């Protein structure tokens, strides 16, 4: 009888190991493409660190996105020199951020667009069929209901079709 228990245990252990391997493979495929919108401030440190780690674990490719806030009522053409300067600065900052992913052997690309941040993040996520957005969010104060409801992360969270990981 002890032999039979042992065989049953070994068989169950094999099945469990196969299930774990399958689950692990499925999890690693779960987030094949991660969008990481950043605002080029010092507050992105933690978001970038988490995104790099997650991308490495899941073997995902990453798109870094920076949205230059458009000035409403004024055409981009009228301010082309202004926007060109901002775009060049943004590309340099994104290249620095992208280096972290490259150093971690994660495929990464960087994109700069002009417009409304929430709208452009949602548009990029949809057009690029991303599986996950990893983005920073400020802390909402519990004693102040309603504050933070206009935040970009809140708008993206409400309207975006894919999962979002908010980093505080």
C-alpha atoms as a PDB file:
ATOM      1  CA  UNK A   1       0.000   0.000   0.000  1.00  0.00           C
ATOM      2  CA  UNK A   2       2.799   2.428   0.785  1.00  0.00           C
ATOM      3  CA  UNK A   3       4.101   1.948  -2.762  1.00  0.00           C
ATOM      4  CA  UNK A   4       0.715   2.876  -4.161  1.00  0.00           C
ATOM      5  CA  UNK A   5       0.521   6.026  -2.020  1.00  0.00           C
ATOM      6  CA  UNK A   6       4.008   6.939  -3.114  1.00  0.00           C
ATOM      7  CA  UNK A   7       3.095   6.444  -6.795  1.00  0.00           C
ATOM      8  CA  UNK A   8      -0.094   8.427  -6.367  1.00  0.00           C
ATOM      9  CA  UNK A   9       1.815  11.173  -4.602  1.00  0.00           C
ATOM     10  CA  UNK A  10       4.455  11.240  -7.348  1.00  0.00           C
ATOM     11  CA  UNK A  11       1.752  11.305 -10.015  1.00  0.00           C
ATOM     12  CA  UNK A  12      -0.074  14.143  -8.247  1.00  0.00           C
ATOM     13  CA  UNK A  13       3.202  15.979  -7.826  1.00  0.00           C
ATOM     14  CA  UNK A  14       3.935  15.622 -11.576  1.00  0.00           C
ATOM     15  CA  UNK A  15       0.462  16.923 -12.467  1.00  0.00           C
ATOM     16  CA  UNK A  16       0.909  19.845 -10.101  1.00  0.00           C
ATOM     17  CA  UNK A  17       4.325  20.634 -11.565  1.00  0.00           C
ATOM     18  CA  UNK A  18       2.876  20.520 -15.122  1.00  0.00           C
ATOM     19  CA  UNK A  19       0.023  22.806 -14.054  1.00  0.00           C
ATOM     20  CA  UNK A  20       2.435  25.225 -12.417  1.00  0.00           C
ATOM     21  CA  UNK A  21       4.614  25.241 -15.543  1.00  0.00           C
ATOM     22  CA  UNK A  22       1.569  25.876 -17.746  1.00  0.00           C
ATOM     23  CA  UNK A  23       0.315  28.599 -15.399  1.00  0.00           C
ATOM     24  CA  UNK A  24       3.750  30.173 -15.330  1.00  0.00           C
ATOM     25  CA  UNK A  25       3.949  30.117 -19.141  1.00  0.00           C
ATOM     26  CA  UNK A  26       0.464  31.623 -19.411  1.00  0.00           C
ATOM     27  CA  UNK A  27       1.342  34.323 -16.884  1.00  0.00           C
ATOM     28  CA  UNK A  28       4.497  35.176 -18.762  1.00  0.00           C
ATOM     29  CA  UNK A  29       2.467  35.575 -21.960  1.00  0.00           C
ATOM     30  CA  UNK A  30      -0.187  37.598 -20.191  1.00  0.00           C
ATOM     31  CA  UNK A  31       1.511  40.968 -20.628  1.00  0.00           C
ATOM     32  CA  UNK A  32       3.380  40.751 -23.921  1.00  0.00           C
ATOM     33  CA  UNK A  33       3.255  44.507 -24.466  1.00  0.00           C
ATOM     34  CA  UNK A  34       3.401  47.044 -21.631  1.00  0.00           C
ATOM     35  CA  UNK A  35       2.784  50.756 -22.092  1.00  0.00           C
ATOM     36  CA  UNK A  36       4.594  53.006 -19.611  1.00  0.00           C
ATOM     37  CA  UNK A  37       3.453  56.630 -19.873  1.00  0.00           C
ATOM     38  CA  UNK A  38       5.788  58.975 -17.988  1.00  0.00           C
ATOM     39  CA  UNK A  39       5.779  62.720 -17.395  1.00  0.00           C
ATOM     40  CA  UNK A  40       9.583  63.177 -17.207  1.00  0.00           C
ATOM     41  CA  UNK A  41       9.522  64.248 -13.569  1.00  0.00           C
ATOM     42  CA  UNK A  42      11.531  62.719 -10.731  1.00  0.00           C
ATOM     43  CA  UNK A  43       8.358  60.943  -9.572  1.00  0.00           C
ATOM     44  CA  UNK A  44       8.742  58.272 -12.271  1.00  0.00           C
ATOM     45  CA  UNK A  45      11.593  56.474 -10.516  1.00  0.00           C
ATOM     46  CA  UNK A  46       9.423  53.872  -8.818  1.00  0.00           C
ATOM     47  CA  UNK A  47       7.164  53.420 -11.850  1.00  0.00           C
ATOM     48  CA  UNK A  48      10.162  52.740 -14.080  1.00  0.00           C
ATOM     49  CA  UNK A  49      11.714  50.334 -11.582  1.00  0.00           C
ATOM     50  CA  UNK A  50       8.476  48.332 -11.333  1.00  0.00           C
ATOM     51  CA  UNK A  51       7.930  48.371 -15.108  1.00  0.00           C
ATOM     52  CA  UNK A  52      11.468  47.084 -15.767  1.00  0.00           C
ATOM     53  CA  UNK A  53      11.030  44.252 -13.258  1.00  0.00           C
ATOM     54  CA  UNK A  54       7.619  43.275 -14.567  1.00  0.00           C
ATOM     55  CA  UNK A  55       8.774  43.386 -18.193  1.00  0.00           C
ATOM     56  CA  UNK A  56      11.756  41.158 -17.381  1.00  0.00           C
ATOM     57  CA  UNK A  57       9.629  38.592 -15.538  1.00  0.00           C
ATOM     58  CA  UNK A  58       6.958  38.450 -18.238  1.00  0.00           C
ATOM     59  CA  UNK A  59       9.392  38.850 -21.150  1.00  0.00           C
ATOM     60  CA  UNK A  60       7.299  41.744 -22.422  1.00  0.00           C
ATOM     61  CA  UNK A  61       8.183  44.465 -24.818  1.00  0.00           C
ATOM     62  CA  UNK A  62       7.703  48.012 -23.560  1.00  0.00           C
ATOM     63  CA  UNK A  63       6.595  51.262 -25.104  1.00  0.00           C
ATOM     64  CA  UNK A  64       7.581  54.358 -23.167  1.00  0.00           C
ATOM     65  CA  UNK A  65       5.214  57.221 -23.887  1.00  0.00           C
ATOM     66  CA  UNK A  66       5.483  60.894 -23.072  1.00  0.00           C
ATOM     67  CA  UNK A  67       2.635  63.239 -23.904  1.00  0.00           C
ATOM     68  CA  UNK A  68       3.446  66.915 -24.292  1.00  0.00           C
ATOM     69  CA  UNK A  69       0.369  68.769 -23.081  1.00  0.00           C
ATOM     70  CA  UNK A  70      -1.133  70.613 -26.032  1.00  0.00           C
ATOM     71  CA  UNK A  71      -2.176  74.213 -25.591  1.00  0.00           C
ATOM     72  CA  UNK A  72      -5.856  74.426 -26.431  1.00  0.00           C
ATOM     73  CA  UNK A  73      -6.971  77.141 -28.808  1.00  0.00           C
ATOM     74  CA  UNK A  74      -3.554  77.397 -30.454  1.00  0.00           C
ATOM     75  CA  UNK A  75      -2.541  75.206 -33.376  1.00  0.00           C
ATOM     76  CA  UNK A  76       0.538  73.036 -33.108  1.00  0.00           C
ATOM     77  CA  UNK A  77       1.777  74.683 -36.312  1.00  0.00           C
ATOM     78  CA  UNK A  78       1.781  78.158 -34.704  1.00  0.00           C
ATOM     79  CA  UNK A  79       3.971  76.895 -31.858  1.00  0.00           C
ATOM     80  CA  UNK A  80       6.043  74.448 -33.924  1.00  0.00           C
ATOM     81  CA  UNK A  81       9.398  75.787 -32.677  1.00  0.00           C
ATOM     82  CA  UNK A  82       8.206  75.602 -29.080  1.00  0.00           C
ATOM     83  CA  UNK A  83       6.880  72.056 -29.524  1.00  0.00           C
ATOM     84  CA  UNK A  84       9.998  70.960 -31.437  1.00  0.00           C
ATOM     85  CA  UNK A  85      12.172  72.058 -28.495  1.00  0.00           C
ATOM     86  CA  UNK A  86       9.934  70.191 -26.039  1.00  0.00           C
ATOM     87  CA  UNK A  87       9.906  67.121 -28.251  1.00  0.00           C
ATOM     88  CA  UNK A  88      13.719  67.030 -28.474  1.00  0.00           C
ATOM     89  CA  UNK A  89      14.051  67.382 -24.701  1.00  0.00           C
ATOM     90  CA  UNK A  90      11.430  64.672 -24.209  1.00  0.00           C
ATOM     91  CA  UNK A  91      13.246  62.302 -26.585  1.00  0.00           C
ATOM     92  CA  UNK A  92      16.483  62.768 -24.619  1.00  0.00           C
ATOM     93  CA  UNK A  93      14.744  62.047 -21.307  1.00  0.00           C
ATOM     94  CA  UNK A  94      12.952  59.009 -22.744  1.00  0.00           C
ATOM     95  CA  UNK A  95      16.274  57.710 -24.095  1.00  0.00           C
ATOM     96  CA  UNK A  96      17.657  57.847 -20.543  1.00  0.00           C
ATOM     97  CA  UNK A  97      14.622  55.981 -19.231  1.00  0.00           C
ATOM     98  CA  UNK A  98      14.832  53.450 -22.093  1.00  0.00           C
ATOM     99  CA  UNK A  99      18.433  52.636 -21.154  1.00  0.00           C
ATOM    100  CA  UNK A 100      17.167  50.938 -17.983  1.00  0.00           C
ATOM    101  CA  UNK A 101      15.074  48.561 -20.067  1.00  0.00           C
ATOM    102  CA  UNK A 102      17.896  47.930 -22.534  1.00  0.00           C
ATOM    103  CA  UNK A 103      20.266  47.190 -19.638  1.00  0.00           C
ATOM    104  CA  UNK A 104      17.699  44.670 -18.367  1.00  0.00           C
ATOM    105  CA  UNK A 105      17.500  43.111 -21.846  1.00  0.00           C
ATOM    106  CA  UNK A 106      13.918  44.273 -22.406  1.00  0.00           C
ATOM    107  CA  UNK A 107      12.783  45.382 -25.867  1.00  0.00           C
ATOM    108  CA  UNK A 108      11.767  49.030 -25.613  1.00  0.00           C
ATOM    109  CA  UNK A 109      10.713  51.883 -27.835  1.00  0.00           C
ATOM    110  CA  UNK A 110      10.040  55.507 -26.937  1.00  0.00           C
ATOM    111  CA  UNK A 111       7.313  57.715 -28.345  1.00  0.00           C
ATOM    112  CA  UNK A 112       6.537  61.401 -27.853  1.00  0.00           C
ATOM    113  CA  UNK A 113       3.166  62.841 -28.851  1.00  0.00           C
ATOM    114  CA  UNK A 114       1.400  66.173 -28.383  1.00  0.00           C
ATOM    115  CA  UNK A 115      -2.140  66.369 -27.014  1.00  0.00           C
ATOM    116  CA  UNK A 116      -4.256  65.662 -23.973  1.00  0.00           C
ATOM    117  CA  UNK A 117      -2.344  63.155 -21.804  1.00  0.00           C
ATOM    118  CA  UNK A 118      -5.256  60.893 -20.848  1.00  0.00           C
ATOM    119  CA  UNK A 119      -6.665  60.828 -24.366  1.00  0.00           C
ATOM    120  CA  UNK A 120      -3.258  60.112 -25.939  1.00  0.00           C
ATOM    121  CA  UNK A 121      -2.456  57.331 -23.456  1.00  0.00           C
ATOM    122  CA  UNK A 122      -5.787  55.630 -24.172  1.00  0.00           C
ATOM    123  CA  UNK A 123      -5.283  56.097 -27.915  1.00  0.00           C
ATOM    124  CA  UNK A 124      -1.768  54.592 -27.758  1.00  0.00           C
ATOM    125  CA  UNK A 125      -2.942  51.651 -25.633  1.00  0.00           C
ATOM    126  CA  UNK A 126      -5.752  50.863 -28.037  1.00  0.00           C
ATOM    127  CA  UNK A 127      -3.805  51.371 -31.276  1.00  0.00           C
ATOM    128  CA  UNK A 128      -0.796  49.372 -30.067  1.00  0.00           C
ATOM    129  CA  UNK A 129      -2.921  46.643 -28.455  1.00  0.00           C
ATOM    130  CA  UNK A 130      -1.047  46.821 -25.183  1.00  0.00           C
ATOM    131  CA  UNK A 131      -1.817  44.228 -22.555  1.00  0.00           C
ATOM    132  CA  UNK A 132      -1.028  46.415 -19.531  1.00  0.00           C
ATOM    133  CA  UNK A 133      -0.375  50.039 -18.648  1.00  0.00           C
ATOM    134  CA  UNK A 134       2.042  50.752 -15.808  1.00  0.00           C
ATOM    135  CA  UNK A 135       1.782  54.372 -14.741  1.00  0.00           C
ATOM    136  CA  UNK A 136       2.386  56.581 -11.769  1.00  0.00           C
ATOM    137  CA  UNK A 137      -0.375  58.133  -9.748  1.00  0.00           C
ATOM    138  CA  UNK A 138      -0.331  60.589  -6.916  1.00  0.00           C
ATOM    139  CA  UNK A 139      -1.707  59.595  -3.571  1.00  0.00           C
ATOM    140  CA  UNK A 140      -5.335  60.516  -2.971  1.00  0.00           C
ATOM    141  CA  UNK A 141      -6.014  61.823   0.519  1.00  0.00           C
ATOM    142  CA  UNK A 142      -8.754  59.787   2.251  1.00  0.00           C
ATOM    143  CA  UNK A 143     -10.061  62.820   4.137  1.00  0.00           C
ATOM    144  CA  UNK A 144     -10.600  64.741   0.910  1.00  0.00           C
ATOM    145  CA  UNK A 145     -13.192  62.909  -1.167  1.00  0.00           C
ATOM    146  CA  UNK A 146     -13.300  64.005  -4.780  1.00  0.00           C
ATOM    147  CA  UNK A 147      -9.710  65.247  -4.919  1.00  0.00           C
ATOM    148  CA  UNK A 148      -7.700  63.575  -7.618  1.00  0.00           C
ATOM    149  CA  UNK A 149     -10.707  62.693  -9.751  1.00  0.00           C
ATOM    150  CA  UNK A 150      -9.333  64.894 -12.530  1.00  0.00           C
ATOM    151  CA  UNK A 151      -5.966  63.156 -12.502  1.00  0.00           C
ATOM    152  CA  UNK A 152      -4.684  61.592 -15.705  1.00  0.00           C
ATOM    153  CA  UNK A 153      -4.412  58.174 -14.058  1.00  0.00           C
ATOM    154  CA  UNK A 154      -8.059  58.343 -12.970  1.00  0.00           C
ATOM    155  CA  UNK A 155      -9.231  59.248 -16.478  1.00  0.00           C
ATOM    156  CA  UNK A 156      -7.132  56.492 -18.038  1.00  0.00           C
ATOM    157  CA  UNK A 157      -8.372  53.989 -15.458  1.00  0.00           C
ATOM    158  CA  UNK A 158     -11.989  54.761 -16.259  1.00  0.00           C
ATOM    159  CA  UNK A 159     -11.721  54.751 -20.057  1.00  0.00           C
ATOM    160  CA  UNK A 160      -8.932  52.355 -20.966  1.00  0.00           C
ATOM    161  CA  UNK A 161      -9.823  48.875 -22.237  1.00  0.00           C
ATOM    162  CA  UNK A 162      -6.765  47.102 -20.750  1.00  0.00           C
ATOM    163  CA  UNK A 163      -5.614  46.528 -17.155  1.00  0.00           C
ATOM    164  CA  UNK A 164      -3.689  49.316 -15.440  1.00  0.00           C
ATOM    165  CA  UNK A 165      -1.110  49.044 -12.683  1.00  0.00           C
ATOM    166  CA  UNK A 166      -1.005  52.322 -10.752  1.00  0.00           C
ATOM    167  CA  UNK A 167       2.219  53.006  -8.922  1.00  0.00           C
ATOM    168  CA  UNK A 168       1.991  55.361  -5.973  1.00  0.00           C
END
